[in-house]
Protein backbone atom coordinates (compact mmCIF):
# COMPACT_ATOMS: atom_id res chain seq x y z
CA MET A 1 -125.92 -25.49 43.80
CA SER A 2 -124.93 -28.83 44.63
CA ASP A 3 -124.51 -30.57 48.40
CA PRO A 4 -120.77 -29.31 49.25
CA ALA A 5 -121.04 -32.59 51.56
CA THR A 6 -120.73 -35.21 48.23
CA ALA A 7 -120.09 -32.17 45.56
CA ILE A 8 -117.71 -29.60 44.81
CA ASN A 9 -118.83 -26.23 42.80
CA CYS A 10 -116.28 -25.75 39.57
CA PRO A 11 -114.97 -22.22 40.57
CA VAL A 12 -114.72 -21.61 36.95
CA CYS A 13 -118.00 -23.10 35.14
CA ARG A 14 -119.91 -23.21 38.27
CA ALA A 15 -120.70 -27.33 36.85
CA SER A 16 -121.82 -30.56 39.71
CA ASN A 17 -118.49 -32.00 40.23
CA PRO A 18 -118.24 -35.39 42.53
CA LEU A 19 -115.43 -34.70 45.25
CA THR A 20 -113.63 -37.09 43.90
CA ALA A 21 -112.93 -35.34 40.50
CA VAL A 22 -109.64 -33.94 39.77
CA CYS A 23 -111.17 -32.13 36.62
CA CYS A 24 -114.07 -30.09 36.03
CA ARG A 25 -116.84 -32.85 33.39
CA ARG A 26 -117.79 -29.39 31.49
CA CYS A 27 -114.59 -27.53 31.53
CA LYS A 28 -112.46 -29.38 31.96
CA ALA A 29 -110.77 -27.12 34.89
CA ASP A 30 -108.53 -28.65 38.32
CA LEU A 31 -109.89 -29.67 40.61
CA SER A 32 -107.48 -30.73 42.76
CA LEU A 33 -106.93 -28.56 45.11
CA LEU A 34 -110.42 -28.18 45.80
CA GLY A 35 -110.22 -32.25 46.40
CA ARG A 36 -108.10 -31.25 49.14
CA LEU A 37 -109.12 -29.10 50.97
CA GLU A 38 -112.77 -30.68 51.51
CA SER A 39 -110.59 -33.47 52.89
CA GLN A 40 -108.88 -31.07 54.97
CA ARG A 41 -112.08 -29.70 56.20
CA ALA A 42 -113.53 -33.60 56.72
CA ALA A 43 -110.09 -34.57 58.75
CA ALA A 44 -110.30 -31.64 60.81
CA LEU A 45 -114.87 -32.10 61.38
CA ASP A 46 -112.76 -36.22 62.81
CA HIS A 47 -111.03 -34.53 65.08
CA ALA A 48 -113.38 -32.05 66.94
CA ARG A 49 -115.87 -34.85 67.03
CA ARG A 50 -113.29 -37.51 68.40
CA ALA A 51 -112.76 -34.64 70.63
CA LEU A 52 -116.48 -33.97 71.83
CA LEU A 53 -116.56 -37.93 72.76
CA ALA A 54 -113.66 -37.57 74.34
CA GLY A 55 -114.39 -34.97 76.43
CA ASP A 56 -111.71 -32.51 74.76
CA ALA A 57 -113.49 -29.01 74.74
CA ALA A 58 -110.09 -26.83 73.55
CA THR A 59 -109.29 -29.37 71.16
CA ALA A 60 -112.83 -30.09 69.41
CA ARG A 61 -113.65 -25.78 69.70
CA ARG A 62 -109.35 -25.69 67.98
CA PHE A 63 -110.81 -28.06 64.58
CA SER A 64 -114.53 -27.38 64.36
CA GLN A 65 -112.69 -23.74 64.05
CA LEU A 66 -110.04 -24.92 61.52
CA ALA A 67 -113.20 -26.36 59.85
CA ARG A 68 -114.75 -23.47 59.11
CA ARG A 69 -111.42 -21.26 58.07
CA LEU A 70 -111.15 -23.99 55.49
CA ARG A 71 -115.23 -24.24 54.38
CA ASP A 72 -117.82 -22.40 56.48
CA GLY A 73 -121.12 -24.89 56.91
CA ALA A 74 -123.68 -26.23 58.89
CA ASP A 75 -121.80 -29.03 60.55
CA ALA A 76 -118.60 -27.28 61.50
CA ARG A 77 -121.25 -25.32 62.94
CA GLN A 78 -123.03 -28.05 64.99
CA VAL A 79 -119.45 -29.65 66.04
CA ALA A 80 -118.13 -25.30 67.39
CA ALA A 81 -121.26 -25.18 69.32
CA ALA A 82 -121.15 -29.17 70.91
CA ALA A 83 -117.57 -27.49 71.57
CA ALA A 84 -118.63 -24.34 73.39
CA LEU A 85 -121.84 -26.16 75.45
CA LEU A 86 -119.35 -29.03 76.40
CA ALA A 87 -116.73 -25.57 77.67
CA GLY A 88 -119.72 -23.64 79.17
CA HIS A 89 -120.00 -21.36 77.09
CA PHE A 90 -123.48 -21.09 76.49
CA ALA A 91 -123.81 -17.76 74.56
CA ALA A 92 -121.53 -18.35 71.98
CA ALA A 93 -122.79 -22.08 71.43
CA LEU A 94 -126.67 -20.48 71.17
CA HIS A 95 -124.95 -17.70 68.68
CA LEU A 96 -123.88 -21.06 66.36
CA ALA A 97 -127.03 -22.80 67.18
CA GLN A 98 -128.82 -19.67 65.95
CA GLN A 99 -125.88 -19.80 62.94
CA ILE A 100 -127.85 -22.82 61.72
CA HIS A 101 -131.58 -22.78 63.16
CA PRO A 102 -132.19 -18.25 62.94
CA PRO A 103 -134.62 -18.46 65.24
CA SER A 104 -138.66 -18.58 63.54
CA ASP A 105 -140.26 -14.84 63.53
CA ALA A 106 -142.93 -15.75 65.88
CA SER A 107 -145.09 -12.85 64.15
């Protein structure tokens, strides 16, 4: 699979396409809705990061959750974990961080 930050996989043929693609390079399937979805997700993450910088944990949490609903990923989990830390929800922050980087088994 391709990197979701830079490419979209076609839901029909699974070919990797640039985020800006309107149709699949291989099968010509319409990718415009996926592109809009990724744009909305990127905007949600941007709003969440700005809220973190402003110290607004509630807004950061809301927008990071929106990004995760659109497409979950390590980037959205990192922002959600930072929002949880800012809000003092340490268990939730740890849980999110462990989803990004699962603890290694030291056995």
